[in-house]
């Protein structure tokens, strides 16, 4: 069973930055795509960013130019660097991996105060 463990969430003021990390229990080069999703209170889970095994990235329009997804295969870790945070970025952020099956982490809470 694959485990994904997120960390790095917290409380930050608008305009601030956070870096989320997702550590996988197996080598991440076995996953075709890894990504970050988020779910705000009362809303559906939505895509934030994805990165393929070939390091092709994709971002939601709402975070383009502010967030950067990256991966470190040696550390089995995917990162989400979040800059210029806005109150509307407040959500639980989940790590996701696709590789034969679909895997999810338990999430890390990001709260952006105005």
Protein backbone atom coordinates (compact mmCIF):
# COMPACT_ATOMS: atom_id res chain seq x y z
CA UNK A 1 0.00 0.00 0.00
CA UNK A 2 1.41 3.38 -1.03
CA UNK A 3 1.39 6.16 1.52
CA UNK A 4 1.60 9.86 0.72
CA UNK A 5 2.33 12.18 3.63
CA UNK A 6 1.86 15.93 3.24
CA UNK A 7 3.44 18.59 5.42
CA UNK A 8 4.16 22.30 5.40
CA UNK A 9 0.69 23.73 5.88
CA UNK A 10 -0.09 26.41 8.38
CA UNK A 11 -1.35 29.91 8.97
CA UNK A 12 0.10 32.71 6.85
CA UNK A 13 -0.87 36.29 6.08
CA UNK A 14 -2.00 37.32 2.62
CA UNK A 15 1.00 37.92 0.40
CA UNK A 16 3.09 35.37 2.26
CA UNK A 17 4.58 32.07 1.14
CA UNK A 18 4.49 28.43 2.13
CA UNK A 19 6.12 25.30 0.73
CA UNK A 20 4.20 22.05 0.92
CA UNK A 21 5.95 18.69 0.76
CA UNK A 22 4.57 15.26 -0.11
CA UNK A 23 6.72 12.26 0.73
CA UNK A 24 5.84 8.94 -0.90
CA UNK A 25 6.46 5.50 0.60
CA UNK A 26 7.84 4.23 -2.71
CA UNK A 27 9.97 5.65 -5.52
CA UNK A 28 8.05 8.43 -7.21
CA UNK A 29 9.44 7.67 -10.65
CA UNK A 30 6.95 4.78 -10.57
CA UNK A 31 4.13 7.34 -10.75
CA UNK A 32 3.18 8.74 -14.15
CA UNK A 33 1.73 11.89 -12.66
CA UNK A 34 1.82 13.47 -9.24
CA UNK A 35 -0.16 16.47 -8.20
CA UNK A 36 -1.69 18.74 -5.63
CA UNK A 37 -5.40 19.27 -5.16
CA UNK A 38 -7.26 21.40 -2.65
CA UNK A 39 -10.64 21.50 -1.03
CA UNK A 40 -12.01 24.64 0.57
CA UNK A 41 -14.86 24.50 3.10
CA UNK A 42 -18.14 23.83 1.34
CA UNK A 43 -16.50 23.36 -2.04
CA UNK A 44 -15.47 20.45 -4.21
CA UNK A 45 -11.89 19.26 -4.43
CA UNK A 46 -10.09 20.97 -7.29
CA UNK A 47 -6.86 20.57 -9.18
CA UNK A 48 -4.02 22.90 -8.19
CA UNK A 49 -1.04 21.57 -10.11
CA UNK A 50 0.38 18.37 -11.61
CA UNK A 51 3.79 17.20 -12.73
CA UNK A 52 4.53 14.23 -14.96
CA UNK A 53 7.41 11.78 -14.81
CA UNK A 54 8.93 13.87 -17.60
CA UNK A 55 8.50 17.00 -15.45
CA UNK A 56 5.77 18.53 -17.60
CA UNK A 57 3.70 20.77 -15.36
CA UNK A 58 0.10 21.94 -15.41
CA UNK A 59 -1.55 24.56 -13.22
CA UNK A 60 -5.02 25.79 -12.41
CA UNK A 61 -5.56 29.28 -13.83
CA UNK A 62 -6.11 30.62 -10.32
CA UNK A 63 -2.55 29.76 -9.23
CA UNK A 64 -0.54 30.29 -12.41
CA UNK A 65 2.42 32.57 -11.79
CA UNK A 66 2.14 32.15 -8.01
CA UNK A 67 2.57 28.42 -7.36
CA UNK A 68 5.32 26.09 -8.56
CA UNK A 69 5.24 22.31 -8.44
CA UNK A 70 8.47 20.32 -8.49
CA UNK A 71 9.70 16.83 -7.74
CA UNK A 72 12.86 15.35 -6.22
CA UNK A 73 13.05 11.72 -7.27
CA UNK A 74 15.99 11.03 -4.95
CA UNK A 75 13.92 12.10 -1.95
CA UNK A 76 10.64 10.60 -3.21
CA UNK A 77 9.13 14.02 -2.64
CA UNK A 78 6.92 16.43 -4.53
CA UNK A 79 6.79 20.07 -3.53
CA UNK A 80 4.36 22.92 -3.99
CA UNK A 81 5.90 26.34 -3.55
CA UNK A 82 3.11 28.85 -2.92
CA UNK A 83 3.86 32.55 -3.17
CA UNK A 84 1.67 35.65 -3.03
CA UNK A 85 -0.94 33.71 -1.10
CA UNK A 86 -4.51 34.99 -1.03
CA UNK A 87 -7.34 34.31 1.43
CA UNK A 88 -9.09 32.33 -1.32
CA UNK A 89 -6.17 29.87 -1.27
CA UNK A 90 -7.36 28.71 2.15
CA UNK A 91 -8.06 24.97 1.89
CA UNK A 92 -6.90 21.51 2.77
CA UNK A 93 -4.22 20.57 0.25
CA UNK A 94 -3.94 16.96 -0.84
CA UNK A 95 -1.15 15.13 -2.60
CA UNK A 96 -2.11 12.74 -5.38
CA UNK A 97 -0.21 10.09 -7.33
CA UNK A 98 -1.20 8.04 -10.38
CA UNK A 99 0.66 4.81 -11.04
CA UNK A 100 -1.48 1.78 -11.74
CA UNK A 101 -3.83 3.01 -9.05
CA UNK A 102 -4.76 6.41 -7.69
CA UNK A 103 -3.35 7.38 -4.32
CA UNK A 104 -4.18 10.25 -1.97
CA UNK A 105 -2.60 11.70 1.12
CA UNK A 106 -4.60 12.81 4.15
CA UNK A 107 -4.04 16.50 3.47
CA UNK A 108 -2.48 19.52 5.11
CA UNK A 109 -4.40 22.66 6.04
CA UNK A 110 -3.39 26.02 4.62
CA UNK A 111 -5.04 29.09 6.11
CA UNK A 112 -4.40 32.53 4.61
CA UNK A 113 -5.53 35.48 6.69
CA UNK A 114 -6.43 38.84 5.17
